[in-house]
Amino acid sequence: MTEKRELQNIKEFLDEKSDKYNHSDFIETDPIQIPHTFTDHGDIEISGFLAATIAWGQRITIIKNLRNLMTLMDHAPYEFILHHTEKDLDRFSYFKHRTFNGDDCKFFIQSLKNIYAIHGGLGKVVQNFYQAKKDVFDVLIEFRKIFFEINHPQRTQKHFSNVLKGASAKRLNMYFRWMIREDFRGVDFGLWKEIPMSSLYLPLDVHTGNVARKLGILLRKQNDWKAVEEITQVLRTFDPVDPVKYDFALFGLGAFEKF
């Protein structure tokens, strides 16, 4: 009974913090502001995917580099992905965000062109995989396969998490949250309606992991896929329909409140 009461207290605490941070003001400090500059679904999907891809390090630097990337894509990522030429890729040679360099960037653009031209786009690919597999873990496996189905630099594979090797896939799970969650708070987009919010996994990072451990709802010490499953299972007991809304609470407590 005591343990249940403690969990209920934690749930109520996280509900309060989720409500606080799941707000349009959150956009101003987060890389999600980049896809929010667009209204077309294709632009949102592509800019969101690229934003999530380089969303590690200092947030100010992430956002600065993402703005530069959108400028290089003529502020029209969907059109650029579909219609760019080999010569157009030259402009990305000097793009760099931490270990994500110009060669990585060029391949990501080429792979996205393949996904949109051959497979119908990011949303169609991911939703089709979910309809077939019914688990986001399996979707991440298949998504990675299709992303690297064309010739690619070996080094670039490190920029797309491999959950089969235990990766937490923080940035991909965050991207899926952006595209799938829909609660009319103005932060997440809710574009991919064929995937239920209940299927999402927590984007586990240093902040969310540390806060979850301090609260006692995550015991595993490593921030790997097993930890993602452990914490998400708990969050699904708090809210079976929308477990990943607690990402706002856990991240906000860690990043903004130094909990």
Protein backbone atom coordinates (compact mmCIF):
# COMPACT_ATOMS: atom_id res chain seq x y z
CA MET A 1 0.00 0.00 0.00
CA THR A 2 2.85 2.39 0.88
CA GLU A 3 4.56 1.73 -2.46
CA LYS A 4 1.33 2.40 -4.34
CA ARG A 5 0.86 5.64 -2.44
CA GLU A 6 4.42 6.71 -3.24
CA LEU A 7 3.90 5.97 -6.94
CA GLN A 8 0.65 7.92 -6.88
CA ASN A 9 2.48 10.88 -5.34
CA ILE A 10 5.18 10.68 -8.02
CA LYS A 11 2.52 10.49 -10.74
CA GLU A 12 0.74 13.58 -9.39
CA PHE A 13 4.06 15.43 -9.14
CA LEU A 14 4.96 14.54 -12.74
CA ASP A 15 1.46 15.41 -13.96
CA GLU A 16 1.93 18.88 -12.49
CA LYS A 17 5.36 19.32 -14.10
CA SER A 18 4.18 17.96 -17.47
CA ASP A 19 1.40 20.52 -17.43
CA LYS A 20 3.93 23.23 -16.64
CA TYR A 21 6.40 22.44 -19.43
CA ASN A 22 4.08 21.06 -22.14
CA HIS A 23 3.29 24.59 -23.26
CA SER A 24 3.98 26.70 -26.33
CA ASP A 25 6.60 28.67 -24.37
CA PHE A 26 8.72 25.49 -24.36
CA ILE A 27 9.22 25.86 -28.13
CA GLU A 28 11.35 28.99 -27.73
CA THR A 29 14.18 27.11 -26.02
CA ASP A 30 13.99 23.79 -27.89
CA PRO A 31 15.14 22.49 -31.31
CA ILE A 32 11.47 21.76 -32.05
CA GLN A 33 11.23 25.47 -32.89
CA ILE A 34 12.78 24.68 -36.30
CA PRO A 35 9.94 22.50 -37.66
CA HIS A 36 7.53 25.00 -36.08
CA THR A 37 8.68 27.57 -38.63
CA PHE A 38 6.90 25.52 -41.33
CA THR A 39 3.27 24.66 -42.06
CA ASP A 40 3.62 22.07 -44.85
CA HIS A 41 3.69 18.47 -43.59
CA GLY A 42 6.69 17.55 -45.73
CA ASP A 43 8.69 20.53 -44.47
CA ILE A 44 7.78 19.72 -40.86
CA GLU A 45 8.71 16.03 -41.20
CA ILE A 46 12.06 16.70 -42.84
CA SER A 47 13.15 19.68 -40.76
CA GLY A 48 12.01 17.83 -37.64
CA PHE A 49 14.03 14.75 -38.54
CA LEU A 50 17.16 16.81 -39.19
CA ALA A 51 16.56 18.84 -36.01
CA ALA A 52 16.30 15.67 -33.93
CA THR A 53 19.38 14.20 -35.64
CA ILE A 54 21.73 16.91 -34.37
CA ALA A 55 19.92 17.63 -31.10
CA TRP A 56 22.79 16.97 -28.76
CA GLY A 57 25.10 19.42 -27.05
CA GLN A 58 24.32 23.04 -26.16
CA ARG A 59 20.80 23.97 -27.20
CA ILE A 60 21.88 27.43 -28.41
CA THR A 61 24.46 25.83 -30.73
CA ILE A 62 21.99 23.20 -31.94
CA ILE A 63 19.43 25.83 -32.90
CA LYS A 64 22.06 28.06 -34.55
CA ASN A 65 23.32 25.18 -36.70
CA LEU A 66 19.80 24.10 -37.58
CA ARG A 67 18.96 27.60 -38.78
CA ASN A 68 22.09 27.49 -40.92
CA LEU A 69 21.03 24.10 -42.29
CA MET A 70 17.58 25.41 -43.23
CA THR A 71 19.25 28.38 -44.99
CA LEU A 72 21.40 25.94 -46.99
CA MET A 73 18.16 24.19 -47.98
CA ASP A 74 16.67 27.51 -49.15
CA HIS A 75 14.15 27.40 -46.27
CA ALA A 76 12.21 24.82 -48.27
CA PRO A 77 13.44 21.42 -47.05
CA TYR A 78 10.79 19.31 -48.79
CA GLU A 79 11.40 20.90 -52.20
CA PHE A 80 15.14 20.79 -51.69
CA ILE A 81 15.14 17.10 -50.74
CA LEU A 82 13.05 16.15 -53.75
CA HIS A 83 14.72 18.30 -56.40
CA HIS A 84 18.34 18.93 -55.36
CA THR A 85 21.14 18.05 -57.78
CA GLU A 86 24.60 16.64 -57.10
CA LYS A 87 26.02 20.14 -57.46
CA ASP A 88 23.57 21.48 -54.86
CA LEU A 89 25.15 19.18 -52.29
CA ASP A 90 28.46 21.05 -52.51
CA ARG A 91 27.12 23.79 -50.26
CA PHE A 92 26.93 21.30 -47.36
CA SER A 93 30.62 20.37 -47.51
CA TYR A 94 31.51 22.64 -44.61
CA PHE A 95 28.43 22.03 -42.48
CA LYS A 96 29.35 20.72 -39.05
CA HIS A 97 27.66 20.02 -35.75
CA ARG A 98 29.98 18.28 -33.32
CA THR A 99 30.81 14.95 -35.05
CA PHE A 100 28.08 15.34 -37.69
CA ASN A 101 30.00 16.71 -40.67
CA GLY A 102 29.46 17.65 -44.29
CA ASP A 103 29.70 14.08 -45.59
CA ASP A 104 27.13 12.93 -43.04
CA CYS A 105 24.85 15.79 -43.98
CA LYS A 106 25.09 15.04 -47.70
CA PHE A 107 24.21 11.40 -47.15
CA PHE A 108 21.24 12.28 -44.95
CA ILE A 109 19.93 14.49 -47.74
CA GLN A 110 20.42 11.73 -50.33
CA SER A 111 18.78 9.13 -48.11
CA LEU A 112 15.81 11.40 -47.47
CA LYS A 113 15.45 11.91 -51.22
CA ASN A 114 15.37 8.13 -51.65
CA ILE A 115 12.74 7.80 -48.91
CA TYR A 116 10.48 10.47 -50.42
CA ALA A 117 11.00 9.57 -54.09
CA ILE A 118 10.85 5.79 -53.74
CA HIS A 119 9.01 5.04 -50.50
CA GLY A 120 6.50 7.86 -50.16
CA GLY A 121 8.13 9.86 -47.36
CA LEU A 122 9.06 9.61 -43.71
CA GLY A 123 5.51 9.50 -42.40
CA LYS A 124 4.42 6.79 -44.78
CA VAL A 125 7.51 4.66 -44.12
CA VAL A 126 7.27 4.83 -40.34
CA GLN A 127 3.50 4.35 -40.21
CA ASN A 128 3.64 1.40 -42.60
CA PHE A 129 6.30 -0.25 -40.46
CA TYR A 130 4.17 0.30 -37.37
CA GLN A 131 1.11 -1.23 -39.01
CA ALA A 132 3.21 -4.29 -39.84
CA LYS A 133 5.18 -4.59 -36.57
CA LYS A 134 2.99 -2.95 -33.88
CA ASP A 135 6.02 -2.02 -31.77
CA VAL A 136 8.15 1.11 -32.11
CA PHE A 137 11.26 -0.92 -31.23
CA ASP A 138 10.77 -2.98 -34.40
CA VAL A 139 9.94 0.17 -36.35
CA LEU A 140 13.29 1.68 -35.37
CA ILE A 141 15.05 -1.44 -36.66
CA GLU A 142 13.28 -1.36 -40.02
CA PHE A 143 13.56 2.42 -40.34
CA ARG A 144 17.32 2.19 -39.93
CA LYS A 145 17.55 -0.51 -42.62
CA ILE A 146 15.69 1.58 -45.17
CA PHE A 147 17.68 4.69 -44.28
CA PHE A 148 20.94 2.96 -45.17
CA GLU A 149 19.69 0.95 -48.14
CA ILE A 150 21.59 3.19 -50.56
CA ASN A 151 25.39 3.51 -50.64
CA HIS A 152 26.63 5.40 -47.62
CA PRO A 153 29.79 6.30 -45.70
CA GLN A 154 30.42 3.79 -42.95
CA ARG A 155 31.05 6.59 -40.47
CA THR A 156 27.53 7.98 -40.97
CA GLN A 157 25.90 4.92 -39.40
CA LYS A 158 26.75 6.24 -35.94
CA HIS A 159 24.34 9.13 -36.49
CA PHE A 160 21.30 6.85 -36.69
CA SER A 161 20.84 4.89 -33.46
CA ASN A 162 20.91 1.10 -33.62
CA VAL A 163 18.53 -0.28 -30.99
CA LEU A 164 19.69 -3.82 -31.84
CA LYS A 165 22.99 -2.82 -30.23
CA GLY A 166 21.23 -1.45 -27.17
CA ALA A 167 21.12 2.25 -28.09
CA SER A 168 18.53 4.31 -26.24
CA ALA A 169 17.64 6.08 -29.54
CA LYS A 170 16.90 9.27 -27.62
CA ARG A 171 16.77 11.53 -30.65
CA LEU A 172 14.66 9.16 -32.76
CA ASN A 173 12.20 8.62 -29.91
CA MET A 174 12.04 12.40 -29.50
CA TYR A 175 11.34 12.81 -33.23
CA PHE A 176 8.58 10.21 -33.02
CA ARG A 177 7.12 12.10 -30.05
CA TRP A 178 7.09 15.29 -32.10
CA MET A 179 5.37 13.63 -35.06
CA ILE A 180 2.90 11.38 -33.19
CA ARG A 181 1.76 13.09 -29.97
CA GLU A 182 -1.32 15.25 -30.27
CA ASP A 183 -2.75 17.10 -27.30
CA PHE A 184 -3.44 20.58 -28.68
CA ARG A 185 -0.87 22.18 -26.36
CA GLY A 186 0.98 23.56 -29.38
CA VAL A 187 4.31 21.73 -28.92
CA ASP A 188 4.06 18.34 -30.64
CA PHE A 189 2.58 18.06 -34.13
CA GLY A 190 0.43 14.91 -34.19
CA LEU A 191 0.96 14.36 -37.93
CA TRP A 192 1.31 10.57 -37.93
CA LYS A 193 -2.16 9.56 -36.85
CA GLU A 194 -1.84 5.84 -37.63
CA ILE A 195 0.51 5.33 -34.67
CA PRO A 196 -1.04 5.58 -31.19
CA MET A 197 0.62 7.78 -28.58
CA SER A 198 0.50 4.81 -26.21
CA SER A 199 3.15 3.05 -28.33
CA LEU A 200 5.80 5.74 -27.86
CA TYR A 201 8.95 5.24 -25.79
CA LEU A 202 10.52 7.88 -23.59
CA PRO A 203 13.37 9.86 -25.21
CA LEU A 204 15.87 8.91 -22.52
CA ASP A 205 18.81 11.27 -21.99
CA VAL A 206 21.00 12.46 -19.12
CA HIS A 207 18.29 14.77 -17.74
CA THR A 208 15.33 12.38 -17.93
CA GLY A 209 17.43 9.46 -16.72
CA ASN A 210 18.88 11.27 -13.72
CA VAL A 211 15.50 12.63 -12.60
CA ALA A 212 13.80 9.25 -13.04
CA ARG A 213 16.48 7.60 -10.90
CA LYS A 214 16.18 10.23 -8.18
CA LEU A 215 12.44 9.62 -8.12
CA GLY A 216 13.03 5.87 -7.91
CA ILE A 217 11.12 4.98 -11.07
CA LEU A 218 14.25 3.91 -12.98
CA LEU A 219 16.71 1.49 -11.41
CA ARG A 220 18.95 0.64 -14.36
CA LYS A 221 22.15 2.69 -14.30
CA GLN A 222 22.95 2.78 -18.03
CA ASN A 223 20.98 4.97 -20.42
CA ASP A 224 20.39 2.15 -22.91
CA TRP A 225 17.37 0.51 -24.53
CA LYS A 226 16.68 -1.68 -21.49
CA ALA A 227 16.45 1.51 -19.41
CA VAL A 228 14.09 3.01 -22.00
CA GLU A 229 11.81 -0.01 -21.69
CA GLU A 230 11.97 0.07 -17.89
CA ILE A 231 11.05 3.72 -17.46
CA THR A 232 8.45 3.67 -20.25
CA GLN A 233 6.72 0.71 -18.62
CA VAL A 234 6.34 2.76 -15.43
CA LEU A 235 5.11 5.83 -17.33
CA ARG A 236 2.48 3.68 -19.08
CA THR A 237 1.04 2.83 -15.67
CA PHE A 238 0.80 6.57 -14.96
CA ASP A 239 -0.94 7.30 -18.28
CA PRO A 240 -1.64 4.32 -20.59
CA VAL A 241 -2.83 6.58 -23.41
CA ASP A 242 -0.09 9.22 -23.37
CA PRO A 243 2.91 7.96 -21.36
CA VAL A 244 5.50 10.14 -23.09
CA LYS A 245 3.87 13.38 -21.97
CA TYR A 246 6.08 12.84 -18.92
CA ASP A 247 9.11 13.60 -21.08
CA PHE A 248 8.25 17.26 -20.52
CA ALA A 249 8.26 16.76 -16.75
CA LEU A 250 11.42 14.69 -16.50
CA PHE A 251 13.35 16.88 -18.92
CA GLY A 252 12.10 20.12 -17.44
CA LEU A 253 12.98 19.03 -13.91
CA GLY A 254 16.49 18.11 -15.00
CA ALA A 255 17.34 20.84 -17.51
CA PHE A 256 15.51 23.82 -16.02
CA GLU A 257 15.07 23.06 -12.31
CA LYS A 258 18.30 21.07 -11.75
CA PHE A 259 16.20 18.62 -9.73
